[in-house]
Amino acid sequence: MKNKANITVIIFIVIIIGGLLLIKFSGNNEKYIATEKPKIVNLKLRQYLSGILIPNKEIEIKSQISGILKKMHVKAGDTIKRGDLIAEVSILPNPQNIETASNTLTTCQINFSKCEKEYKQYQNLFRKQVVAEQEFDKYQDAYLISKEELKSAKKQLEIIEKGYTNDQKNIPNFIRSTVSGTVLEIPLKEGASITERNNFNAGSSLAIIANLESLIFKAKVNESDVVYLKKGMDLNIEISALKDQQILAELTHITPKAKEENGIMKFDIEAKVNNTQKVKLYPGFSAVAEVILDSRDSAITIKERNLIFKKDCTYVELLDKDYNVKKQSVKTGLSDGLRIEIREGISTNDKIKVQKN
């Protein structure tokens, strides 16, 4: 009897639990079907571009003569002005040219001494009216010519030995800056060989100078994104080295031709940095630019994960007033990767079934 009583109790408990479950699942379907309503939001399609900051212009200071870098007067990081002394260059004279110039100078000195002596003699005779003026003029001209030849020979020897003459105002051995700015790099060390700049040779760079107040952001963009970009667009740039620090930039250049990199066609873009906050920026800083490629104001949107794709059809599942699930075809628009614009098919009053992905 006792066993029968226990069995009866167990059966009774099972019946009660089963009844409760039946009531729960046969009631309102909405209680166990998760739904969401569409939201009206300002949708923005953002793209993030990785790039670097570089100077708008970099000027390479070069020498007009060949020789040896004797001394550098600046170092990387120095702020300089136009006309400041950058470096000194010592030339390496050719021994054969020096010997030739020295011999020419000696000859000119001998000739000058002779012409000077004759000139003074005939000058005295002319004053005493012993010789005619025409005769005196001949010796005077010879004296003046020999004087200029001697002067020219001295200068020629100075140029061969030093690269300049003592009476020159702008000595080519002293290399001066042609611009104001900050010295970014000193490519050569003292004692290095210097090649002059000419029509056939680019020449050796002694210093690289740039204006750090004028920087640009440079990046590469995929062909699928470049169609959205236009000159004049604003970019929000975040500097990796400066946490939570953003600066503005204006898109100024898009290359007209793409280049292939690892099988992907990419375009170079440049944006002028507007550092109105006077943040300390350095060339070479890595940065990420946020670009608004497209936007929709007051768009009806749903979570993109709630869309269902089947063949060429896009639809969502709605919960009707009788709590039945039905399929509804929709026409989509802009997506930011999380939410997507719904142009046709639903309203903000509809209940969208949440899809379990």
Protein backbone atom coordinates (compact mmCIF):
# COMPACT_ATOMS: atom_id res chain seq x y z
CA MET A 1 0.00 0.00 0.00
CA LYS A 2 2.83 2.31 0.84
CA ASN A 3 4.46 1.84 -2.59
CA LYS A 4 1.15 2.53 -4.31
CA ALA A 5 0.83 5.76 -2.34
CA ASN A 6 4.34 6.90 -3.41
CA ILE A 7 3.60 6.14 -7.05
CA THR A 8 0.37 8.11 -6.83
CA VAL A 9 2.22 11.14 -5.41
CA ILE A 10 4.88 11.02 -8.14
CA ILE A 11 2.26 10.79 -10.88
CA PHE A 12 0.43 13.73 -9.36
CA ILE A 13 3.61 15.87 -9.32
CA VAL A 14 4.40 15.00 -12.95
CA ILE A 15 0.86 15.97 -13.98
CA ILE A 16 1.17 19.34 -12.22
CA ILE A 17 4.56 20.14 -13.82
CA GLY A 18 3.33 19.08 -17.25
CA GLY A 19 0.27 21.26 -16.87
CA LEU A 20 2.35 24.27 -15.96
CA LEU A 21 4.62 23.76 -18.96
CA LEU A 22 1.63 23.33 -21.25
CA ILE A 23 0.11 26.56 -19.99
CA LYS A 24 3.39 28.39 -20.49
CA PHE A 25 4.08 27.28 -24.06
CA SER A 26 0.49 27.32 -25.29
CA GLY A 27 0.01 30.91 -24.18
CA ASN A 28 1.44 34.10 -25.59
CA ASN A 29 4.20 33.36 -28.16
CA GLU A 30 5.67 36.82 -27.59
CA LYS A 31 6.93 35.71 -24.20
CA TYR A 32 9.57 33.47 -25.67
CA ILE A 33 10.20 35.04 -29.13
CA ALA A 34 12.72 37.87 -28.84
CA THR A 35 11.83 40.92 -30.94
CA GLU A 36 13.16 44.38 -31.63
CA LYS A 37 11.58 47.45 -33.17
CA PRO A 38 13.27 49.43 -35.96
CA LYS A 39 15.01 52.62 -34.85
CA ILE A 40 15.35 55.97 -36.56
CA VAL A 41 19.01 56.99 -36.43
CA ASN A 42 21.50 59.15 -38.30
CA LEU A 43 23.47 56.47 -40.08
CA LYS A 44 27.09 57.05 -41.07
CA LEU A 45 29.39 54.85 -43.09
CA ARG A 46 32.84 55.30 -41.58
CA GLN A 47 36.14 54.18 -42.99
CA TYR A 48 39.40 54.14 -41.06
CA LEU A 49 42.62 54.79 -42.97
CA SER A 50 46.06 54.05 -41.56
CA GLY A 51 48.83 56.40 -42.58
CA ILE A 52 51.65 58.65 -41.40
CA LEU A 53 52.40 62.34 -40.95
CA ILE A 54 55.03 63.78 -43.28
CA PRO A 55 56.24 67.32 -44.00
CA ASN A 56 54.49 69.13 -46.80
CA LYS A 57 57.89 69.92 -48.29
CA GLU A 58 61.37 68.60 -47.57
CA ILE A 59 64.29 70.67 -48.85
CA GLU A 60 67.68 69.06 -49.43
CA ILE A 61 70.62 71.43 -48.97
CA LYS A 62 73.43 70.59 -51.42
CA SER A 63 76.89 71.87 -52.29
CA GLN A 64 77.90 73.65 -55.49
CA ILE A 65 81.46 72.34 -55.21
CA SER A 66 82.98 68.90 -54.73
CA GLY A 67 85.28 68.17 -51.83
CA ILE A 68 85.34 66.98 -48.23
CA LEU A 69 82.75 67.86 -45.56
CA LYS A 70 84.98 69.84 -43.22
CA LYS A 71 82.47 70.86 -40.53
CA MET A 72 78.73 70.73 -39.85
CA HIS A 73 77.31 73.76 -38.08
CA VAL A 74 73.86 72.28 -37.37
CA LYS A 75 72.43 69.01 -36.09
CA ALA A 76 69.13 67.18 -36.44
CA GLY A 77 66.38 68.96 -34.52
CA ASP A 78 67.87 72.46 -34.80
CA THR A 79 65.57 75.28 -35.86
CA ILE A 80 67.26 77.49 -38.44
CA LYS A 81 66.52 80.52 -40.59
CA ARG A 82 67.17 81.18 -44.23
CA GLY A 83 70.81 82.16 -44.74
CA ASP A 84 72.13 80.37 -41.64
CA LEU A 85 75.43 78.54 -42.07
CA ILE A 86 74.92 74.80 -42.54
CA ALA A 87 78.35 73.38 -43.33
CA GLU A 88 81.87 74.02 -44.58
CA VAL A 89 83.35 72.10 -47.50
CA SER A 90 87.06 71.77 -48.23
CA ILE A 91 88.01 71.06 -51.80
CA LEU A 92 90.67 68.54 -52.83
CA PRO A 93 92.93 70.45 -55.22
CA ASN A 94 94.53 68.67 -58.17
CA PRO A 95 98.35 68.82 -57.80
CA GLN A 96 98.83 69.19 -61.55
CA ASN A 97 96.40 72.11 -61.69
CA ILE A 98 98.15 73.76 -58.74
CA GLU A 99 101.54 73.45 -60.44
CA THR A 100 100.20 74.89 -63.68
CA ALA A 101 98.53 77.80 -61.87
CA SER A 102 101.68 78.48 -59.83
CA ASN A 103 103.82 78.58 -62.95
CA THR A 104 101.35 80.92 -64.62
CA LEU A 105 101.43 83.18 -61.55
CA THR A 106 105.24 83.28 -61.58
CA THR A 107 105.29 84.18 -65.26
CA CYS A 108 102.71 86.92 -64.69
CA GLN A 109 104.74 88.33 -61.77
CA ILE A 110 107.90 88.50 -63.90
CA ASN A 111 106.06 90.14 -66.77
CA PHE A 112 104.36 92.60 -64.42
CA SER A 113 107.67 93.62 -62.83
CA LYS A 114 109.16 94.25 -66.26
CA CYS A 115 106.13 96.23 -67.50
CA GLU A 116 105.94 98.21 -64.27
CA LYS A 117 109.61 99.22 -64.54
CA GLU A 118 109.24 100.30 -68.18
CA TYR A 119 106.03 102.16 -67.41
CA LYS A 120 107.65 104.22 -64.65
CA GLN A 121 110.66 105.02 -66.84
CA TYR A 122 108.55 106.25 -69.75
CA GLN A 123 106.22 108.09 -67.37
CA ASN A 124 109.15 110.23 -66.20
CA LEU A 125 110.28 110.78 -69.80
CA PHE A 126 106.77 111.76 -70.84
CA ARG A 127 106.52 114.29 -68.02
CA LYS A 128 109.81 115.80 -69.25
CA GLN A 129 108.35 115.79 -72.76
CA VAL A 130 111.21 113.63 -74.00
CA VAL A 131 108.91 111.00 -75.58
CA ALA A 132 105.65 111.41 -77.43
CA GLU A 133 102.31 110.62 -75.82
CA GLN A 134 101.69 107.82 -78.32
CA GLU A 135 104.91 106.10 -77.27
CA PHE A 136 104.05 106.47 -73.57
CA ASP A 137 100.54 105.06 -74.09
CA LYS A 138 102.03 101.84 -75.47
CA TYR A 139 103.96 101.15 -72.25
CA GLN A 140 101.07 102.28 -70.07
CA ASP A 141 98.70 99.78 -71.78
CA ALA A 142 101.24 96.98 -71.39
CA TYR A 143 101.56 97.80 -67.68
CA LEU A 144 97.78 97.77 -67.08
CA ILE A 145 97.32 94.50 -68.98
CA SER A 146 100.12 92.79 -67.03
CA LYS A 147 98.59 94.04 -63.78
CA GLU A 148 95.21 92.45 -64.62
CA GLU A 149 96.88 89.24 -65.74
CA LEU A 150 98.72 89.02 -62.40
CA LYS A 151 95.51 89.63 -60.48
CA SER A 152 93.71 86.96 -62.50
CA ALA A 153 96.53 84.44 -61.96
CA LYS A 154 96.40 84.97 -58.19
CA LYS A 155 92.63 84.42 -58.13
CA GLN A 156 92.93 81.32 -60.27
CA LEU A 157 95.45 79.79 -57.86
CA GLU A 158 93.24 80.65 -54.87
CA ILE A 159 90.23 79.02 -56.49
CA ILE A 160 92.18 75.85 -57.26
CA GLU A 161 93.61 75.66 -53.73
CA LYS A 162 90.59 76.78 -51.67
CA GLY A 163 87.62 76.83 -54.02
CA TYR A 164 87.10 80.58 -53.59
CA THR A 165 88.90 83.92 -53.55
CA ASN A 166 89.40 86.11 -50.50
CA ASP A 167 87.42 89.01 -51.97
CA GLN A 168 84.29 86.91 -52.69
CA LYS A 169 81.18 87.89 -50.70
CA ASN A 170 79.40 84.54 -51.09
CA ILE A 171 82.03 81.89 -50.50
CA PRO A 172 80.89 78.60 -52.08
CA ASN A 173 82.70 76.56 -49.41
CA PHE A 174 80.27 77.90 -46.82
CA ILE A 175 76.94 76.16 -47.44
CA ARG A 176 73.96 78.17 -46.21
CA SER A 177 70.30 77.27 -45.82
CA THR A 178 67.94 78.40 -48.55
CA VAL A 179 64.84 78.04 -46.32
CA SER A 180 63.71 78.42 -42.73
CA GLY A 181 62.59 75.37 -40.78
CA THR A 182 63.77 72.41 -38.70
CA VAL A 183 66.69 70.16 -39.57
CA LEU A 184 65.25 66.67 -39.98
CA GLU A 185 68.33 64.75 -40.98
CA ILE A 186 72.07 65.09 -41.52
CA PRO A 187 72.84 62.37 -44.10
CA LEU A 188 76.65 62.71 -44.02
CA LYS A 189 79.30 62.91 -41.32
CA GLU A 190 82.27 65.22 -41.19
CA GLY A 191 85.05 63.89 -43.40
CA ALA A 192 82.69 62.43 -46.00
CA SER A 193 83.22 63.07 -49.71
CA ILE A 194 80.93 65.67 -51.28
CA THR A 195 79.75 65.65 -54.89
CA GLU A 196 78.71 68.96 -56.40
CA ARG A 197 75.25 69.56 -57.84
CA ASN A 198 75.14 70.15 -61.57
CA ASN A 199 73.16 69.32 -64.69
CA PHE A 200 74.49 65.77 -64.72
CA ASN A 201 74.56 64.97 -61.01
CA ALA A 202 72.00 65.46 -58.23
CA GLY A 203 74.82 66.11 -55.77
CA SER A 204 75.31 65.13 -52.13
CA SER A 205 72.72 66.20 -49.55
CA LEU A 206 74.24 67.93 -46.55
CA ALA A 207 70.99 68.50 -44.63
CA ILE A 208 67.27 67.91 -45.03
CA ILE A 209 65.07 70.75 -43.77
CA ALA A 210 61.29 71.05 -43.42
CA ASN A 211 58.70 73.34 -41.91
CA LEU A 212 57.08 71.31 -39.12
CA GLU A 213 54.19 73.76 -38.97
CA SER A 214 53.05 72.42 -42.35
CA LEU A 215 52.40 68.66 -42.20
CA ILE A 216 50.24 66.35 -44.28
CA PHE A 217 48.60 63.00 -43.59
CA LYS A 218 49.43 60.39 -46.23
CA ALA A 219 47.64 57.05 -46.65
CA LYS A 220 46.63 54.41 -49.17
CA VAL A 221 42.99 53.70 -50.04
CA ASN A 222 41.39 50.66 -51.65
CA GLU A 223 39.67 51.15 -55.00
CA SER A 224 36.31 50.26 -53.41
CA ASP A 225 36.58 53.23 -51.04
CA VAL A 226 38.22 55.87 -53.21
CA VAL A 227 34.98 56.40 -55.17
CA TYR A 228 33.46 57.95 -52.02
CA LEU A 229 36.33 60.41 -51.49
CA LYS A 230 36.35 64.00 -52.72
CA LYS A 231 38.81 66.85 -52.32
CA GLY A 232 37.84 69.11 -49.46
CA MET A 233 36.42 66.33 -47.26
CA ASP A 234 37.17 66.58 -43.54
CA LEU A 235 39.15 63.86 -41.78
CA ASN A 236 39.39 63.25 -38.05
CA ILE A 237 42.91 62.04 -37.36
CA GLU A 238 43.93 60.19 -34.23
CA ILE A 239 47.66 60.10 -33.48
CA SER A 240 48.80 56.75 -32.13
CA ALA A 241 51.51 58.30 -29.94
CA LEU A 242 49.09 60.85 -28.45
CA LYS A 243 46.27 58.95 -26.78
CA ASP A 244 42.81 60.48 -27.08
CA GLN A 245 44.25 63.35 -29.11
CA GLN A 246 42.52 64.13 -32.40
CA ILE A 247 43.32 66.72 -35.04
CA LEU A 248 41.48 67.81 -38.16
CA ALA A 249 42.70 67.51 -41.73
CA GLU A 250 41.36 68.41 -45.16
CA LEU A 251 41.66 66.01 -48.09
CA THR A 252 43.75 67.82 -50.71
CA HIS A 253 45.01 65.19 -53.14
CA ILE A 254 43.94 61.84 -54.63
CA THR A 255 46.26 60.21 -57.14
CA PRO A 256 44.53 59.71 -60.50
CA LYS A 257 46.12 56.29 -60.98
CA ALA A 258 46.17 53.27 -58.66
CA LYS A 259 49.17 51.11 -57.87
CA GLU A 260 49.04 47.39 -57.24
CA GLU A 261 50.19 46.24 -53.81
CA ASN A 262 49.95 42.54 -52.94
CA GLY A 263 47.31 42.06 -55.60
CA ILE A 264 45.18 45.00 -54.39
CA MET A 265 44.81 48.26 -56.31
CA LYS A 266 45.39 51.24 -54.03
CA PHE A 267 45.34 55.02 -54.41
CA ASP A 268 47.57 57.46 -52.53
CA ILE A 269 45.78 60.28 -50.74
CA GLU A 270 47.05 63.36 -48.91
CA ALA A 271 45.32 65.60 -46.39
CA LYS A 272 46.54 68.94 -45.03
CA VAL A 273 46.74 68.87 -41.24
CA ASN A 274 45.02 71.80 -39.49
CA ASN A 275 46.84 71.81 -36.17
CA THR A 276 44.78 74.58 -34.59
CA GLN A 277 45.38 73.15 -31.11
CA LYS A 278 49.15 73.51 -31.59
CA VAL A 279 49.78 69.89 -30.66
CA LYS A 280 53.45 68.92 -30.81
CA LEU A 281 53.63 66.79 -33.94
CA TYR A 282 56.58 65.04 -35.53
CA PRO A 283 57.10 63.68 -39.05
CA GLY A 284 56.77 59.91 -39.05
CA PHE A 285 53.97 59.77 -36.46
CA SER A 286 51.60 56.92 -37.32
CA ALA A 287 47.97 57.98 -37.44
CA VAL A 288 44.48 56.72 -38.21
CA ALA A 289 42.02 58.92 -40.09
CA GLU A 290 38.27 58.56 -39.77
CA VAL A 291 36.43 59.42 -42.98
CA ILE A 292 32.65 59.69 -43.35
CA LEU A 293 32.17 58.05 -46.75
CA ASP A 294 28.36 58.29 -46.78
CA SER A 295 25.51 59.16 -44.42
CA ARG A 296 21.72 59.03 -44.03
CA ASP A 297 19.79 61.32 -41.72
CA SER A 298 16.72 59.99 -39.85
CA ALA A 299 16.91 56.58 -41.50
CA ILE A 300 14.77 53.60 -40.44
CA THR A 301 17.30 50.97 -39.39
CA ILE A 302 17.53 47.50 -37.91
CA LYS A 303 20.42 45.39 -36.76
CA GLU A 304 22.05 43.87 -39.81
CA ARG A 305 22.19 40.43 -38.20
CA ASN A 306 18.36 40.26 -38.28
CA LEU A 307 18.33 40.25 -42.09
CA ILE A 308 17.74 36.96 -43.90
CA PHE A 309 19.13 36.40 -47.38
CA LYS A 310 17.75 33.73 -49.68
CA LYS A 311 18.78 33.67 -53.31
CA ASP A 312 18.00 37.17 -54.65
CA CYS A 313 15.56 38.00 -51.86
CA THR A 314 16.21 39.92 -48.65
CA TYR A 315 13.65 39.76 -45.89
CA VAL A 316 13.01 39.89 -42.16
CA GLU A 317 10.71 37.93 -39.88
CA LEU A 318 7.90 39.93 -38.29
CA LEU A 319 5.68 39.06 -35.35
CA ASP A 320 2.07 39.97 -36.20
CA LYS A 321 -0.74 40.92 -33.80
CA ASP A 322 -1.65 37.26 -33.33
CA TYR A 323 1.96 36.52 -32.38
CA ASN A 324 2.59 34.58 -35.54
CA VAL A 325 5.92 34.88 -37.38
CA LYS A 326 5.76 35.89 -41.03
CA LYS A 327 8.36 36.78 -43.65
CA GLN A 328 8.51 40.34 -44.98
CA SER A 329 10.55 41.34 -48.03
CA VAL A 330 12.56 44.56 -47.54
CA LYS A 331 14.69 46.93 -49.59
CA THR A 332 17.95 47.85 -47.89
CA GLY A 333 20.21 50.88 -48.14
CA LEU A 334 23.29 52.14 -46.33
CA SER A 335 25.00 50.00 -43.70
CA ASP A 336 27.62 50.90 -41.13
CA GLY A 337 28.39 47.26 -40.40
CA LEU A 338 26.09 47.03 -37.38
CA ARG A 339 22.86 48.68 -38.44
CA ILE A 340 21.40 48.85 -41.93
CA GLU A 341 18.96 51.25 -43.53
CA ILE A 342 15.56 49.80 -44.54
CA ARG A 343 14.09 51.83 -47.39
CA GLU A 344 10.94 49.78 -47.98
CA GLY A 345 9.01 46.96 -46.32
CA ILE A 346 8.65 47.84 -42.63
CA SER A 347 7.75 50.67 -40.29
CA THR A 348 8.92 51.67 -36.84
CA ASN A 349 5.87 49.94 -35.31
CA ASP A 350 6.80 46.49 -36.59
CA LYS A 351 8.32 43.87 -34.34
CA ILE A 352 11.40 42.25 -35.88
CA LYS A 353 12.28 38.75 -34.77
CA VAL A 354 15.82 38.60 -33.41
CA GLN A 355 17.82 36.05 -35.35
CA LYS A 356 20.13 33.71 -33.50
CA ASN A 357 23.38 33.83 -35.45
